């Protein structure tokens, strides 16, 4: 399958799924967390996808591509941190935490692989 859009990337699909899961579980968070933990988790998880889309748009320039991938990786790490807070503040169950953190780790590994070897994703004169 030829990748025509960032949406075709498995890492994007997994990050998008994670963002939707974060949205879903955060609906039940206490009201006092609406503008802090809930908002932060939702923003960082969605930002992974947004930064992947931006990276894809900048893949003509390796440094720009890598920079946006680095931003996506940072947002994914931030999401993982907020998930720890959500568990420790009794907003999510341990099993939910374990599942979402595992998905964060999977996204992180994929982003890490892209950062180590960005060349296959870059636009070239031949592509």
PDB file of N, CA and C in Angstrom:
ATOM      1  N   UNK A   1       0.838  -1.194   0.000  1.00  0.00           N
ATOM      2  CA  UNK A   1       0.000   0.000   0.000  1.00  0.00           C
ATOM      3  C   UNK A   1       0.876   1.248   0.000  1.00  0.00           C
ATOM      4  N   UNK A   2       0.586   2.126  -0.901  1.00  0.00           N
ATOM      5  CA  UNK A   2       1.330   3.372  -0.972  1.00  0.00           C
ATOM      6  C   UNK A   2       0.752   4.362   0.052  1.00  0.00           C
ATOM      7  N   UNK A   3       1.646   5.010   0.758  1.00  0.00           N
ATOM      8  CA  UNK A   3       1.222   5.987   1.763  1.00  0.00           C
ATOM      9  C   UNK A   3       1.072   7.333   1.069  1.00  0.00           C
ATOM     10  N   UNK A   4      -0.143   7.831   1.055  1.00  0.00           N
ATOM     11  CA  UNK A   4      -0.419   9.103   0.384  1.00  0.00           C
ATOM     12  C   UNK A   4      -0.649  10.244   1.362  1.00  0.00           C
ATOM     13  N   UNK A   5      -0.907   9.874   2.601  1.00  0.00           N
ATOM     14  CA  UNK A   5      -1.259  10.866   3.617  1.00  0.00           C
ATOM     15  C   UNK A   5      -0.752  10.377   4.962  1.00  0.00           C
ATOM     16  N   UNK A   6      -0.559  11.292   5.876  1.00  0.00           N
ATOM     17  CA  UNK A   6      -0.179  10.904   7.241  1.00  0.00           C
ATOM     18  C   UNK A   6      -1.235   9.978   7.833  1.00  0.00           C
ATOM     19  N   UNK A   7      -2.462  10.121   7.399  1.00  0.00           N
ATOM     20  CA  UNK A   7      -3.545   9.275   7.902  1.00  0.00           C
ATOM     21  C   UNK A   7      -3.344   7.804   7.548  1.00  0.00           C
ATOM     22  N   UNK A   8      -2.534   7.527   6.527  1.00  0.00           N
ATOM     23  CA  UNK A   8      -2.244   6.147   6.127  1.00  0.00           C
ATOM     24  C   UNK A   8      -1.179   5.492   7.005  1.00  0.00           C
ATOM     25  N   UNK A   9      -0.449   6.288   7.782  1.00  0.00           N
ATOM     26  CA  UNK A   9       0.602   5.752   8.646  1.00  0.00           C
ATOM     27  C   UNK A   9      -0.018   5.006   9.831  1.00  0.00           C
ATOM     28  N   UNK A  10       0.487   3.840  10.120  1.00  0.00           N
ATOM     29  CA  UNK A  10      -0.016   3.071  11.264  1.00  0.00           C
ATOM     30  C   UNK A  10       0.182   3.855  12.551  1.00  0.00           C
ATOM     31  N   UNK A  11       1.297   4.559  12.663  1.00  0.00           N
ATOM     32  CA  UNK A  11       1.553   5.338  13.882  1.00  0.00           C
ATOM     33  C   UNK A  11       0.487   6.426  14.044  1.00  0.00           C
ATOM     34  N   UNK A  12       0.065   7.037  12.952  1.00  0.00           N
ATOM     35  CA  UNK A  12      -0.987   8.051  13.024  1.00  0.00           C
ATOM     36  C   UNK A  12      -2.296   7.406  13.489  1.00  0.00           C
ATOM     37  N   UNK A  13      -2.620   6.272  12.914  1.00  0.00           N
ATOM     38  CA  UNK A  13      -3.871   5.586  13.263  1.00  0.00           C
ATOM     39  C   UNK A  13      -3.892   5.184  14.737  1.00  0.00           C
ATOM     40  N   UNK A  14      -2.766   4.720  15.244  1.00  0.00           N
ATOM     41  CA  UNK A  14      -2.684   4.347  16.653  1.00  0.00           C
ATOM     42  C   UNK A  14      -2.758   5.583  17.556  1.00  0.00           C
ATOM     43  N   UNK A  15      -2.081   6.652  17.160  1.00  0.00           N
ATOM     44  CA  UNK A  15      -2.127   7.893  17.938  1.00  0.00           C
ATOM     45  C   UNK A  15      -3.542   8.475  17.943  1.00  0.00           C
ATOM     46  N   UNK A  16      -4.229   8.390  16.814  1.00  0.00           N
ATOM     47  CA  UNK A  16      -5.604   8.883  16.721  1.00  0.00           C
ATOM     48  C   UNK A  16      -6.524   8.064  17.623  1.00  0.00           C
ATOM     49  N   UNK A  17      -6.332   6.761  17.592  1.00  0.00           N
ATOM     50  CA  UNK A  17      -7.109   5.878  18.456  1.00  0.00           C
ATOM     51  C   UNK A  17      -6.871   6.199  19.929  1.00  0.00           C
ATOM     52  N   UNK A  18      -5.622   6.446  20.270  1.00  0.00           N
ATOM     53  CA  UNK A  18      -5.282   6.827  21.645  1.00  0.00           C
ATOM     54  C   UNK A  18      -5.987   8.129  22.030  1.00  0.00           C
ATOM     55  N   UNK A  19      -5.961   9.114  21.155  1.00  0.00           N
ATOM     56  CA  UNK A  19      -6.611  10.394  21.449  1.00  0.00           C
ATOM     57  C   UNK A  19      -8.113  10.213  21.670  1.00  0.00           C
ATOM     58  N   UNK A  20      -8.735   9.357  20.864  1.00  0.00           N
ATOM     59  CA  UNK A  20     -10.162   9.092  21.050  1.00  0.00           C
ATOM     60  C   UNK A  20     -10.423   8.367  22.366  1.00  0.00           C
ATOM     61  N   UNK A  21      -9.546   7.431  22.713  1.00  0.00           N
ATOM     62  CA  UNK A  21      -9.687   6.726  23.995  1.00  0.00           C
ATOM     63  C   UNK A  21      -9.525   7.687  25.170  1.00  0.00           C
ATOM     64  N   UNK A  22      -8.542   8.582  25.064  1.00  0.00           N
ATOM     65  CA  UNK A  22      -8.331   9.574  26.124  1.00  0.00           C
ATOM     66  C   UNK A  22      -9.572  10.446  26.269  1.00  0.00           C
ATOM     67  N   UNK A  23     -10.136  10.872  25.155  1.00  0.00           N
ATOM     68  CA  UNK A  23     -11.352  11.678  25.200  1.00  0.00           C
ATOM     69  C   UNK A  23     -12.473  10.913  25.906  1.00  0.00           C
ATOM     70  N   UNK A  24     -12.629   9.675  25.522  1.00  0.00           N
ATOM     71  CA  UNK A  24     -13.707   8.861  26.081  1.00  0.00           C
ATOM     72  C   UNK A  24     -13.550   8.663  27.589  1.00  0.00           C
ATOM     73  N   UNK A  25     -12.372   8.258  28.039  1.00  0.00           N
ATOM     74  CA  UNK A  25     -12.200   8.002  29.477  1.00  0.00           C
ATOM     75  C   UNK A  25     -12.230   9.291  30.284  1.00  0.00           C
ATOM     76  N   UNK A  26     -11.794  10.389  29.685  1.00  0.00           N
ATOM     77  CA  UNK A  26     -11.744  11.643  30.450  1.00  0.00           C
ATOM     78  C   UNK A  26     -13.120  12.273  30.638  1.00  0.00           C
ATOM     79  N   UNK A  27     -14.126  11.780  29.936  1.00  0.00           N
ATOM     80  CA  UNK A  27     -15.495  12.284  30.118  1.00  0.00           C
ATOM     81  C   UNK A  27     -15.992  12.068  31.544  1.00  0.00           C
ATOM     82  N   UNK A  28     -15.465  11.049  32.189  1.00  0.00           N
ATOM     83  CA  UNK A  28     -15.946  10.733  33.540  1.00  0.00           C
ATOM     84  C   UNK A  28     -15.081  11.349  34.642  1.00  0.00           C
ATOM     85  N   UNK A  29     -14.100  12.153  34.272  1.00  0.00           N
ATOM     86  CA  UNK A  29     -13.239  12.780  35.288  1.00  0.00           C
ATOM     87  C   UNK A  29     -14.051  13.767  36.124  1.00  0.00           C
ATOM     88  N   UNK A  30     -13.623  14.010  37.352  1.00  0.00           N
ATOM     89  CA  UNK A  30     -14.332  14.981  38.201  1.00  0.00           C
ATOM     90  C   UNK A  30     -14.357  16.375  37.564  1.00  0.00           C
ATOM     91  N   UNK A  31     -15.413  17.107  37.850  1.00  0.00           N
ATOM     92  CA  UNK A  31     -15.557  18.459  37.283  1.00  0.00           C
ATOM     93  C   UNK A  31     -14.382  19.365  37.621  1.00  0.00           C
ATOM     94  N   UNK A  32     -13.809  19.206  38.816  1.00  0.00           N
ATOM     95  CA  UNK A  32     -12.691  20.082  39.195  1.00  0.00           C
ATOM     96  C   UNK A  32     -11.445  19.835  38.344  1.00  0.00           C
ATOM     97  N   UNK A  33     -11.434  18.741  37.586  1.00  0.00           N
ATOM     98  CA  UNK A  33     -10.301  18.451  36.700  1.00  0.00           C
ATOM     99  C   UNK A  33     -10.552  18.882  35.253  1.00  0.00           C
ATOM    100  N   UNK A  34     -11.738  19.441  34.986  1.00  0.00           N
ATOM    101  CA  UNK A  34     -12.111  19.791  33.611  1.00  0.00           C
ATOM    102  C   UNK A  34     -11.087  20.699  32.940  1.00  0.00           C
ATOM    103  N   UNK A  35     -10.586  21.699  33.642  1.00  0.00           N
ATOM    104  CA  UNK A  35      -9.680  22.669  33.022  1.00  0.00           C
ATOM    105  C   UNK A  35      -8.212  22.404  33.337  1.00  0.00           C
ATOM    106  N   UNK A  36      -7.942  21.276  33.925  1.00  0.00           N
ATOM    107  CA  UNK A  36      -6.543  20.946  34.188  1.00  0.00           C
ATOM    108  C   UNK A  36      -6.225  19.582  33.589  1.00  0.00           C
ATOM    109  N   UNK A  37      -6.383  18.538  34.353  1.00  0.00           N
ATOM    110  CA  UNK A  37      -5.999  17.210  33.887  1.00  0.00           C
ATOM    111  C   UNK A  37      -6.748  16.798  32.615  1.00  0.00           C
ATOM    112  N   UNK A  38      -8.045  16.959  32.600  1.00  0.00           N
ATOM    113  CA  UNK A  38      -8.839  16.571  31.428  1.00  0.00           C
ATOM    114  C   UNK A  38      -8.352  17.319  30.189  1.00  0.00           C
ATOM    115  N   UNK A  39      -8.247  18.634  30.310  1.00  0.00           N
ATOM    116  CA  UNK A  39      -7.843  19.468  29.180  1.00  0.00           C
ATOM    117  C   UNK A  39      -6.423  19.127  28.726  1.00  0.00           C
ATOM    118  N   UNK A  40      -5.512  18.967  29.658  1.00  0.00           N
ATOM    119  CA  UNK A  40      -4.115  18.675  29.308  1.00  0.00           C
ATOM    120  C   UNK A  40      -3.999  17.335  28.590  1.00  0.00           C
ATOM    121  N   UNK A  41      -4.672  16.322  29.095  1.00  0.00           N
ATOM    122  CA  UNK A  41      -4.617  14.996  28.470  1.00  0.00           C
ATOM    123  C   UNK A  41      -5.187  15.028  27.058  1.00  0.00           C
ATOM    124  N   UNK A  42      -6.296  15.683  26.913  1.00  0.00           N
ATOM    125  CA  UNK A  42      -6.919  15.743  25.590  1.00  0.00           C
ATOM    126  C   UNK A  42      -6.045  16.509  24.610  1.00  0.00           C
ATOM    127  N   UNK A  43      -5.500  17.628  25.060  1.00  0.00           N
ATOM    128  CA  UNK A  43      -4.664  18.441  24.171  1.00  0.00           C
ATOM    129  C   UNK A  43      -3.402  17.706  23.737  1.00  0.00           C
ATOM    130  N   UNK A  44      -2.698  17.108  24.690  1.00  0.00           N
ATOM    131  CA  UNK A  44      -1.437  16.448  24.335  1.00  0.00           C
ATOM    132  C   UNK A  44      -1.677  15.235  23.443  1.00  0.00           C
ATOM    133  N   UNK A  45      -2.719  14.460  23.722  1.00  0.00           N
ATOM    134  CA  UNK A  45      -2.976  13.274  22.897  1.00  0.00           C
ATOM    135  C   UNK A  45      -3.363  13.674  21.471  1.00  0.00           C
ATOM    136  N   UNK A  46      -4.132  14.729  21.329  1.00  0.00           N
ATOM    137  CA  UNK A  46      -4.512  15.195  19.992  1.00  0.00           C
ATOM    138  C   UNK A  46      -3.337  15.817  19.264  1.00  0.00           C
ATOM    139  N   UNK A  47      -2.462  16.426  20.029  1.00  0.00           N
ATOM    140  CA  UNK A  47      -1.301  17.090  19.433  1.00  0.00           C
ATOM    141  C   UNK A  47      -0.341  16.113  18.772  1.00  0.00           C
ATOM    142  N   UNK A  48      -0.313  14.875  19.240  1.00  0.00           N
ATOM    143  CA  UNK A  48       0.528  13.861  18.587  1.00  0.00           C
ATOM    144  C   UNK A  48       0.100  13.743  17.127  1.00  0.00           C
ATOM    145  N   UNK A  49      -1.192  13.619  16.916  1.00  0.00           N
ATOM    146  CA  UNK A  49      -1.727  13.495  15.556  1.00  0.00           C
ATOM    147  C   UNK A  49      -1.476  14.755  14.730  1.00  0.00           C
ATOM    148  N   UNK A  50      -1.713  15.899  15.321  1.00  0.00           N
ATOM    149  CA  UNK A  50      -1.518  17.162  14.605  1.00  0.00           C
ATOM    150  C   UNK A  50      -0.051  17.334  14.193  1.00  0.00           C
ATOM    151  N   UNK A  51       0.861  16.986  15.092  1.00  0.00           N
ATOM    152  CA  UNK A  51       2.279  17.108  14.754  1.00  0.00           C
ATOM    153  C   UNK A  51       2.707  16.092  13.698  1.00  0.00           C
ATOM    154  N   UNK A  52       2.113  14.920  13.706  1.00  0.00           N
ATOM    155  CA  UNK A  52       2.388  13.944  12.638  1.00  0.00           C
ATOM    156  C   UNK A  52       1.924  14.482  11.287  1.00  0.00           C
ATOM    157  N   UNK A  53       0.763  15.104  11.268  1.00  0.00           N
ATOM    158  CA  UNK A  53       0.256  15.693  10.015  1.00  0.00           C
ATOM    159  C   UNK A  53       1.178  16.815   9.539  1.00  0.00           C
ATOM    160  N   UNK A  54       1.640  17.635  10.484  1.00  0.00           N
ATOM    161  CA  UNK A  54       2.566  18.704  10.117  1.00  0.00           C
ATOM    162  C   UNK A  54       3.892  18.142   9.623  1.00  0.00           C
ATOM    163  N   UNK A  55       4.383  17.092  10.270  1.00  0.00           N
ATOM    164  CA  UNK A  55       5.622  16.452   9.835  1.00  0.00           C
ATOM    165  C   UNK A  55       5.467  15.954   8.395  1.00  0.00           C
ATOM    166  N   UNK A  56       4.340  15.319   8.127  1.00  0.00           N
ATOM    167  CA  UNK A  56       4.098  14.787   6.790  1.00  0.00           C
ATOM    168  C   UNK A  56       4.109  15.911   5.748  1.00  0.00           C
ATOM    169  N   UNK A  57       3.533  17.036   6.092  1.00  0.00           N
ATOM    170  CA  UNK A  57       3.494  18.171   5.169  1.00  0.00           C
ATOM    171  C   UNK A  57       4.883  18.760   4.935  1.00  0.00           C
ATOM    172  N   UNK A  58       5.805  18.532   5.861  1.00  0.00           N
ATOM    173  CA  UNK A  58       7.154  19.108   5.756  1.00  0.00           C
ATOM    174  C   UNK A  58       8.205  18.071   5.383  1.00  0.00           C
ATOM    175  N   UNK A  59       7.793  16.948   4.836  1.00  0.00           N
ATOM    176  CA  UNK A  59       8.743  15.880   4.586  1.00  0.00           C
ATOM    177  C   UNK A  59       9.683  16.130   3.415  1.00  0.00           C
ATOM    178  N   UNK A  60       9.537  17.249   2.757  1.00  0.00           N
ATOM    179  CA  UNK A  60      10.486  17.638   1.717  1.00  0.00           C
ATOM    180  C   UNK A  60      11.819  18.052   2.342  1.00  0.00           C
ATOM    181  N   UNK A  61      11.765  18.461   3.599  1.00  0.00           N
ATOM    182  CA  UNK A  61      12.957  18.951   4.306  1.00  0.00           C
ATOM    183  C   UNK A  61      13.190  18.100   5.543  1.00  0.00           C
ATOM    184  N   UNK A  62      14.248  17.324   5.541  1.00  0.00           N
ATOM    185  CA  UNK A  62      14.492  16.368   6.620  1.00  0.00           C
ATOM    186  C   UNK A  62      14.492  17.034   7.993  1.00  0.00           C
ATOM    187  N   UNK A  63      15.159  18.171   8.136  1.00  0.00           N
ATOM    188  CA  UNK A  63      15.237  18.825   9.446  1.00  0.00           C
ATOM    189  C   UNK A  63      13.850  19.236   9.949  1.00  0.00           C
ATOM    190  N   UNK A  64      13.002  19.737   9.069  1.00  0.00           N
ATOM    191  CA  UNK A  64      11.645  20.138   9.470  1.00  0.00           C
ATOM    192  C   UNK A  64      10.822  18.908   9.842  1.00  0.00           C
ATOM    193  N   UNK A  65      10.955  17.865   9.033  1.00  0.00           N
ATOM    194  CA  UNK A  65      10.236  16.617   9.282  1.00  0.00           C
ATOM    195  C   UNK A  65      10.605  16.054  10.653  1.00  0.00           C
ATOM    196  N   UNK A  66      11.900  15.971  10.906  1.00  0.00           N
ATOM    197  CA  UNK A  66      12.390  15.431  12.179  1.00  0.00           C
ATOM    198  C   UNK A  66      11.959  16.316  13.347  1.00  0.00           C
ATOM    199  N   UNK A  67      11.972  17.619  13.145  1.00  0.00           N
ATOM    200  CA  UNK A  67      11.551  18.541  14.201  1.00  0.00           C
ATOM    201  C   UNK A  67      10.096  18.298  14.609  1.00  0.00           C
ATOM    202  N   UNK A  68       9.215  18.143  13.635  1.00  0.00           N
ATOM    203  CA  UNK A  68       7.804  17.911  13.946  1.00  0.00           C
ATOM    204  C   UNK A  68       7.581  16.518  14.533  1.00  0.00           C
ATOM    205  N   UNK A  69       8.361  15.532  14.073  1.00  0.00           N
ATOM    206  CA  UNK A  69       8.278  14.205  14.689  1.00  0.00           C
ATOM    207  C   UNK A  69       8.716  14.268  16.149  1.00  0.00           C
ATOM    208  N   UNK A  70       9.743  15.062  16.408  1.00  0.00           N
ATOM    209  CA  UNK A  70      10.214  15.244  17.785  1.00  0.00           C
ATOM    210  C   UNK A  70       9.125  15.877  18.634  1.00  0.00           C
ATOM    211  N   UNK A  71       8.412  16.844  18.070  1.00  0.00           N
ATOM    212  CA  UNK A  71       7.284  17.455  18.784  1.00  0.00           C
ATOM    213  C   UNK A  71       6.201  16.418  19.067  1.00  0.00           C
ATOM    214  N   UNK A  72       5.899  15.574  18.075  1.00  0.00           N
ATOM    215  CA  UNK A  72       4.891  14.526  18.267  1.00  0.00           C
ATOM    216  C   UNK A  72       5.316  13.576  19.379  1.00  0.00           C
ATOM    217  N   UNK A  73       6.587  13.210  19.388  1.00  0.00           N
ATOM    218  CA  UNK A  73       7.112  12.314  20.414  1.00  0.00           C
ATOM    219  C   UNK A  73       7.020  12.956  21.799  1.00  0.00           C
ATOM    220  N   UNK A  74       7.319  14.233  21.873  1.00  0.00           N
ATOM    221  CA  UNK A  74       7.213  14.951  23.146  1.00  0.00           C
ATOM    222  C   UNK A  74       5.786  15.003  23.651  1.00  0.00           C
ATOM    223  N   UNK A  75       4.839  15.232  22.766  1.00  0.00           N
ATOM    224  CA  UNK A  75       3.427  15.268  23.155  1.00  0.00           C
ATOM    225  C   UNK A  75       2.948  13.890  23.605  1.00  0.00           C
ATOM    226  N   UNK A  76       3.461  12.848  22.950  1.00  0.00           N
ATOM    227  CA  UNK A  76       3.107  11.489  23.350  1.00  0.00           C
ATOM    228  C   UNK A  76       3.628  11.203  24.758  1.00  0.00           C
ATOM    229  N   UNK A  77       4.837  11.642  25.034  1.00  0.00           N
ATOM    230  CA  UNK A  77       5.409  11.476  26.375  1.00  0.00           C
ATOM    231  C   UNK A  77       4.601  12.263  27.402  1.00  0.00           C
ATOM    232  N   UNK A  78       4.150  13.451  27.026  1.00  0.00           N
ATOM    233  CA  UNK A  78       3.317  14.248  27.927  1.00  0.00           C
ATOM    234  C   UNK A  78       2.004  13.525  28.224  1.00  0.00           C
ATOM    235  N   UNK A  79       1.405  12.934  27.203  1.00  0.00           N
ATOM    236  CA  UNK A  79       0.173  12.175  27.410  1.00  0.00           C
ATOM    237  C   UNK A  79       0.400  11.054  28.412  1.00  0.00           C
ATOM    238  N   UNK A  80       1.520  10.359  28.272  1.00  0.00           N
ATOM    239  CA  UNK A  80       1.864   9.284  29.200  1.00  0.00           C
ATOM    240  C   UNK A  80       1.951   9.812  30.637  1.00  0.00           C
ATOM    241  N   UNK A  81       2.529  10.972  30.800  1.00  0.00           N
ATOM    242  CA  UNK A  81       2.643  11.588  32.131  1.00  0.00           C
ATOM    243  C   UNK A  81       1.270  11.903  32.705  1.00  0.00           C
ATOM    244  N   UNK A  82       0.389  12.492  31.888  1.00  0.00           N
ATOM    245  CA  UNK A  82      -0.962  12.818  32.363  1.00  0.00           C
ATOM    246  C   UNK A  82      -1.737  11.557  32.717  1.00  0.00           C
ATOM    247  N   UNK A  83      -1.488  10.485  31.994  1.00  0.00           N
ATOM    248  CA  UNK A  83      -2.149   9.215  32.330  1.00  0.00           C
ATOM    249  C   UNK A  83      -1.713   8.723  33.708  1.00  0.00           C
ATOM    250  N   UNK A  84      -0.440   8.920  34.041  1.00  0.00           N
ATOM    251  CA  UNK A  84       0.033   8.567  35.385  1.00  0.00           C
ATOM    252  C   UNK A  84      -0.702   9.385  36.445  1.00  0.00           C
ATOM    253  N   UNK A  85      -0.834  10.684  36.190  1.00  0.00           N
ATOM    254  CA  UNK A  85      -1.568  11.532  37.138  1.00  0.00           C
ATOM    255  C   UNK A  85      -3.024  11.088  37.252  1.00  0.00           C
ATOM    256  N   UNK A  86      -3.631  10.752  36.115  1.00  0.00           N
ATOM    257  CA  UNK A  86      -5.036  10.325  36.131  1.00  0.00           C
ATOM    258  C   UNK A  86      -5.217   9.081  36.990  1.00  0.00           C
ATOM    259  N   UNK A  87      -4.288   8.147  36.891  1.00  0.00           N
ATOM    260  CA  UNK A  87      -4.383   6.944  37.723  1.00  0.00           C
ATOM    261  C   UNK A  87      -4.149   7.285  39.196  1.00  0.00           C
ATOM    262  N   UNK A  88      -3.111   8.061  39.453  1.00  0.00           N
ATOM    263  CA  UNK A  88      -2.758   8.360  40.836  1.00  0.00           C
ATOM    264  C   UNK A  88      -3.756   9.285  41.527  1.00  0.00           C
ATOM    265  N   UNK A  89      -4.535  10.012  40.734  1.00  0.00           N
ATOM    266  CA  UNK A  89      -5.597  10.863  41.298  1.00  0.00           C
ATOM    267  C   UNK A  89      -6.951  10.139  41.278  1.00  0.00           C
ATOM    268  N   UNK A  90      -6.913   8.833  41.011  1.00  0.00           N
ATOM    269  CA  UNK A  90      -8.102   7.980  41.033  1.00  0.00           C
ATOM    270  C   UNK A  90      -9.162   8.367  40.004  1.00  0.00           C
ATOM    271  N   UNK A  91      -8.698   8.859  38.846  1.00  0.00           N
ATOM    272  CA  UNK A  91      -9.629   9.202  37.761  1.00  0.00           C
ATOM    273  C   UNK A  91      -9.803   8.043  36.783  1.00  0.00           C
ATOM    274  N   UNK A  92      -8.796   7.170  36.692  1.00  0.00           N
ATOM    275  CA  UNK A  92      -8.915   5.991  35.825  1.00  0.00           C
ATOM    276  C   UNK A  92      -8.445   4.754  36.586  1.00  0.00           C
ATOM    277  N   UNK A  93      -8.981   3.632  36.207  1.00  0.00           N
ATOM    278  CA  UNK A  93      -8.602   2.357  36.814  1.00  0.00           C
ATOM    279  C   UNK A  93      -7.229   1.921  36.305  1.00  0.00           C
ATOM    280  N   UNK A  94      -6.572   1.062  37.092  1.00  0.00           N
ATOM    281  CA  UNK A  94      -5.242   0.575  36.735  1.00  0.00           C
ATOM    282  C   UNK A  94      -5.234  -0.116  35.375  1.00  0.00           C
ATOM    283  N   UNK A  95      -6.258  -0.891  35.080  1.00  0.00           N
ATOM    284  CA  UNK A  95      -6.302  -1.594  33.793  1.00  0.00           C
ATOM    285  C   UNK A  95      -6.423  -0.607  32.629  1.00  0.00           C
ATOM    286  N   UNK A  96      -7.227   0.422  32.793  1.00  0.00           N
ATOM    287  CA  UNK A  96      -7.346   1.454  31.756  1.00  0.00           C
ATOM    288  C   UNK A  96      -6.005   2.148  31.587  1.00  0.00           C
ATOM    289  N   UNK A  97      -5.376   2.486  32.694  1.00  0.00           N
ATOM    290  CA  UNK A  97      -4.058   3.115  32.660  1.00  0.00           C
ATOM    291  C   UNK A  97      -3.070   2.226  31.916  1.00  0.00           C
ATOM    292  N   UNK A  98      -3.040   0.965  32.272  1.00  0.00           N
ATOM    293  CA  UNK A  98      -2.097   0.020  31.655  1.00  0.00           C
ATOM    294  C   UNK A  98      -2.316  -0.053  30.137  1.00  0.00           C
ATOM    295  N   UNK A  99      -3.569  -0.116  29.733  1.00  0.00           N
ATOM    296  CA  UNK A  99      -3.886  -0.201  28.300  1.00  0.00           C
ATOM    297  C   UNK A  99      -3.467   1.061  27.542  1.00  0.00           C
ATOM    298  N   UNK A 100      -3.781   2.216  28.108  1.00  0.00           N
ATOM    299  CA  UNK A 100      -3.461   3.480  27.429  1.00  0.00           C
ATOM    300  C   UNK A 100      -1.960   3.761  27.433  1.00  0.00           C
ATOM    301  N   UNK A 101      -1.290   3.427  28.522  1.00  0.00           N
ATOM    302  CA  UNK A 101       0.165   3.616  28.587  1.00  0.00           C
ATOM    303  C   UNK A 101       0.859   2.683  27.598  1.00  0.00           C
ATOM    304  N   UNK A 102       0.334   1.476  27.437  1.00  0.00           N
ATOM    305  CA  UNK A 102       0.905   0.542  26.455  1.00  0.00           C
ATOM    306  C   UNK A 102       0.762   1.098  25.037  1.00  0.00           C
ATOM    307  N   UNK A 103      -0.377   1.726  24.766  1.00  0.00           N
ATOM    308  CA  UNK A 103      -0.576   2.334  23.449  1.00  0.00           C
ATOM    309  C   UNK A 103       0.369   3.523  23.263  1.00  0.00           C
ATOM    310  N   UNK A 104       0.560   4.311  24.310  1.00  0.00           N
ATOM    311  CA  UNK A 104       1.542   5.407  24.261  1.00  0.00           C
ATOM    312  C   UNK A 104       2.938   4.868  23.943  1.00  0.00           C
ATOM    313  N   UNK A 105       3.301   3.779  24.590  1.00  0.00           N
ATOM    314  CA  UNK A 105       4.619   3.180  24.374  1.00  0.00           C
ATOM    315  C   UNK A 105       4.765   2.702  22.933  1.00  0.00           C
ATOM    316  N   UNK A 106       3.703   2.115  22.407  1.00  0.00           N
ATOM    317  CA  UNK A 106       3.732   1.639  21.023  1.00  0.00           C
ATOM    318  C   UNK A 106       3.900   2.804  20.047  1.00  0.00           C
ATOM    319  N   UNK A 107       3.152   3.863  20.267  1.00  0.00           N
ATOM    320  CA  UNK A 107       3.281   5.067  19.431  1.00  0.00           C
ATOM    321  C   UNK A 107       4.691   5.628  19.568  1.00  0.00           C
ATOM    322  N   UNK A 108       5.202   5.678  20.786  1.00  0.00           N
ATOM    323  CA  UNK A 108       6.549   6.195  21.018  1.00  0.00           C
ATOM    324  C   UNK A 108       7.622   5.397  20.295  1.00  0.00           C
ATOM    325  N   UNK A 109       7.494   4.084  20.290  1.00  0.00           N
ATOM    326  CA  UNK A 109       8.463   3.240  19.575  1.00  0.00           C
ATOM    327  C   UNK A 109       8.418   3.508  18.076  1.00  0.00           C
ATOM    328  N   UNK A 110       7.220   3.660  17.556  1.00  0.00           N
ATOM    329  CA  UNK A 110       7.087   3.929  16.119  1.00  0.00           C
ATOM    330  C   UNK A 110       7.666   5.296  15.761  1.00  0.00           C
ATOM    331  N   UNK A 111       7.377   6.293  16.591  1.00  0.00           N
ATOM    332  CA  UNK A 111       7.945   7.621  16.346  1.00  0.00           C
ATOM    333  C   UNK A 111       9.463   7.575  16.463  1.00  0.00           C
ATOM    334  N   UNK A 112       9.951   6.842  17.448  1.00  0.00           N
ATOM    335  CA  UNK A 112      11.399   6.700  17.618  1.00  0.00           C
ATOM    336  C   UNK A 112      12.057   6.079  16.398  1.00  0.00           C
ATOM    337  N   UNK A 113      11.424   5.067  15.828  1.00  0.00           N
ATOM    338  CA  UNK A 113      11.962   4.431  14.620  1.00  0.00           C
ATOM    339  C   UNK A 113      11.986   5.415  13.448  1.00  0.00           C
ATOM    340  N   UNK A 114      10.949   6.231  13.346  1.00  0.00           N
ATOM    341  CA  UNK A 114      10.915   7.233  12.276  1.00  0.00           C
ATOM    342  C   UNK A 114      11.994   8.287  12.488  1.00  0.00           C
ATOM    343  N   UNK A 115      12.233   8.647  13.741  1.00  0.00           N
ATOM    344  CA  UNK A 115      13.265   9.638  14.044  1.00  0.00           C
ATOM    345  C   UNK A 115      14.657   9.102  13.738  1.00  0.00           C
ATOM    346  N   UNK A 116      14.886   7.835  14.016  1.00  0.00           N
ATOM    347  CA  UNK A 116      16.186   7.224  13.756  1.00  0.00           C
ATOM    348  C   UNK A 116      16.435   7.074  12.256  1.00  0.00           C
ATOM    349  N   UNK A 117      15.365   6.773  11.507  1.00  0.00           N
ATOM    350  CA  UNK A 117      15.500   6.552  10.068  1.00  0.00           C
ATOM    351  C   UNK A 117      14.396   7.287   9.306  1.00  0.00           C
ATOM    352  N   UNK A 118      14.518   8.614   9.162  1.00  0.00           N
ATOM    353  CA  UNK A 118      13.458   9.374   8.498  1.00  0.00           C
ATOM    354  C   UNK A 118      13.461   9.252   6.966  1.00  0.00           C
ATOM    355  N   UNK A 119      14.561   8.807   6.383  1.00  0.00           N
ATOM    356  CA  UNK A 119      14.719   8.821   4.920  1.00  0.00           C
ATOM    357  C   UNK A 119      13.564   8.169   4.144  1.00  0.00           C
ATOM    358  N   UNK A 120      13.054   6.998   4.568  1.00  0.00           N
ATOM    359  CA  UNK A 120      11.974   6.396   3.789  1.00  0.00           C
ATOM    360  C   UNK A 120      10.699   7.243   3.694  1.00  0.00           C
ATOM    361  N   UNK A 121      10.551   8.202   4.571  1.00  0.00           N
ATOM    362  CA  UNK A 121       9.339   9.016   4.610  1.00  0.00           C
ATOM    363  C   UNK A 121       9.477  10.341   3.875  1.00  0.00           C
ATOM    364  N   UNK A 122      10.708  10.703   3.535  1.00  0.00           N
ATOM    365  CA  UNK A 122      10.960  12.006   2.927  1.00  0.00           C
ATOM    366  C   UNK A 122      10.600  12.023   1.467  1.00  0.00           C
ATOM    367  N   UNK A 123      10.200  13.197   0.987  1.00  0.00           N
ATOM    368  CA  UNK A 123       9.979  13.394  -0.446  1.00  0.00           C
ATOM    369  C   UNK A 123      11.337  13.570  -1.098  1.00  0.00           C
ATOM    370  N   UNK A 124      11.508  12.928  -2.214  1.00  0.00           N
ATOM    371  CA  UNK A 124      12.742  13.082  -2.985  1.00  0.00           C
ATOM    372  C   UNK A 124      12.366  13.449  -4.403  1.00  0.00           C
ATOM    373  N   UNK A 125      13.373  13.740  -5.205  1.00  0.00           N
ATOM    374  CA  UNK A 125      13.116  14.089  -6.607  1.00  0.00           C
ATOM    375  C   UNK A 125      12.448  12.928  -7.343  1.00  0.00           C
ATOM    376  N   UNK A 126      12.722  11.686  -6.877  1.00  0.00           N
ATOM    377  CA  UNK A 126      12.144  10.513  -7.516  1.00  0.00           C
ATOM    378  C   UNK A 126      10.708  10.245  -7.081  1.00  0.00           C
ATOM    379  N   UNK A 127      10.294  10.798  -5.907  1.00  0.00           N
ATOM    380  CA  UNK A 127       8.953  10.470  -5.417  1.00  0.00           C
ATOM    381  C   UNK A 127       7.888  11.361  -5.961  1.00  0.00           C
TER     382      UNK A 127
END
